[in-house]
Amino acid sequence: MSDPSSPRTPTPTRISPAGQERVAERQARQAEALRANLRRRKEQVRAREEQAGTPEPPAMDPAKPEEL
């Protein structure tokens, strides 16, 4: 007999071909939106660096000891 308190494994969702196409289109839109967002963020960083006149210092590498 099976234990009624044991969690059930979810059955995979069946998606029609039209549904699969909509999912693929949505994923493509999301991927493009992420790329556009990354481009905007990089442009903002570049603009801030130009306004400041000096680029941001590179992040310290914790593996390398700090030189005094």
Protein backbone atom coordinates (compact mmCIF):
# COMPACT_ATOMS: atom_id res chain seq x y z
CA MET A 1 0.00 0.00 0.00
CA SER A 2 1.22 3.54 -0.70
CA ASP A 3 1.69 6.06 2.07
CA PRO A 4 -0.94 8.83 1.70
CA SER A 5 1.38 11.36 3.38
CA SER A 6 4.17 10.85 0.82
CA PRO A 7 4.58 13.68 -1.67
CA ARG A 8 3.33 13.05 -5.16
CA THR A 9 5.60 13.54 -8.09
CA PRO A 10 4.05 16.11 -10.40
CA THR A 11 3.04 14.91 -13.81
CA PRO A 12 4.61 16.85 -16.67
CA THR A 13 2.34 19.47 -18.18
CA ARG A 14 1.24 18.75 -21.70
CA ILE A 15 1.37 21.72 -24.00
CA SER A 16 -0.18 21.86 -27.44
CA PRO A 17 2.01 22.84 -30.40
CA ALA A 18 0.42 26.30 -30.37
CA GLY A 19 1.14 26.58 -26.66
CA GLN A 20 4.74 25.51 -27.20
CA GLU A 21 5.07 28.20 -29.85
CA ARG A 22 3.74 30.85 -27.44
CA VAL A 23 6.19 29.69 -24.77
CA ALA A 24 9.09 29.88 -27.24
CA GLU A 25 8.01 33.38 -28.37
CA ARG A 26 7.75 34.56 -24.76
CA GLN A 27 11.21 33.18 -23.97
CA ALA A 28 12.63 34.91 -27.03
CA ARG A 29 11.04 38.23 -25.96
CA GLN A 30 12.41 37.81 -22.44
CA ALA A 31 15.89 37.02 -23.74
CA GLU A 32 15.84 40.14 -25.95
CA ALA A 33 14.58 42.25 -23.03
CA LEU A 34 17.43 40.96 -20.85
CA ARG A 35 19.99 41.80 -23.53
CA ALA A 36 18.53 45.29 -23.96
CA ASN A 37 18.56 45.82 -20.19
CA LEU A 38 22.20 44.75 -19.99
CA ARG A 39 23.10 47.17 -22.81
CA ARG A 40 21.32 50.03 -20.98
CA ARG A 41 23.07 49.23 -17.71
CA LYS A 42 26.48 49.16 -19.41
CA GLU A 43 25.73 52.51 -21.09
CA GLN A 44 24.76 53.98 -17.70
CA VAL A 45 28.02 52.80 -16.14
CA ARG A 46 30.02 54.27 -19.02
CA ALA A 47 28.17 57.58 -18.73
CA ARG A 48 28.79 57.74 -14.98
CA GLU A 49 32.47 57.01 -15.49
CA GLU A 50 32.72 59.80 -18.08
CA GLN A 51 30.99 62.26 -15.73
CA ALA A 52 33.29 61.34 -12.86
CA GLY A 53 36.33 61.72 -15.09
CA THR A 54 37.94 58.58 -13.74
CA PRO A 55 36.88 54.99 -14.10
CA GLU A 56 35.78 52.96 -11.11
CA PRO A 57 38.68 51.19 -9.42
CA PRO A 58 38.73 47.46 -10.06
CA ALA A 59 37.31 45.26 -7.35
CA MET A 60 39.86 43.81 -4.97
CA ASP A 61 40.72 40.18 -5.42
CA PRO A 62 40.35 38.53 -1.99
CA ALA A 63 42.85 35.85 -3.04
CA LYS A 64 45.64 38.42 -3.38
CA PRO A 65 47.00 40.10 -0.25
CA GLU A 66 46.68 43.86 -0.09
CA GLU A 67 49.92 45.67 -0.81
CA LEU A 68 50.78 48.57 1.49
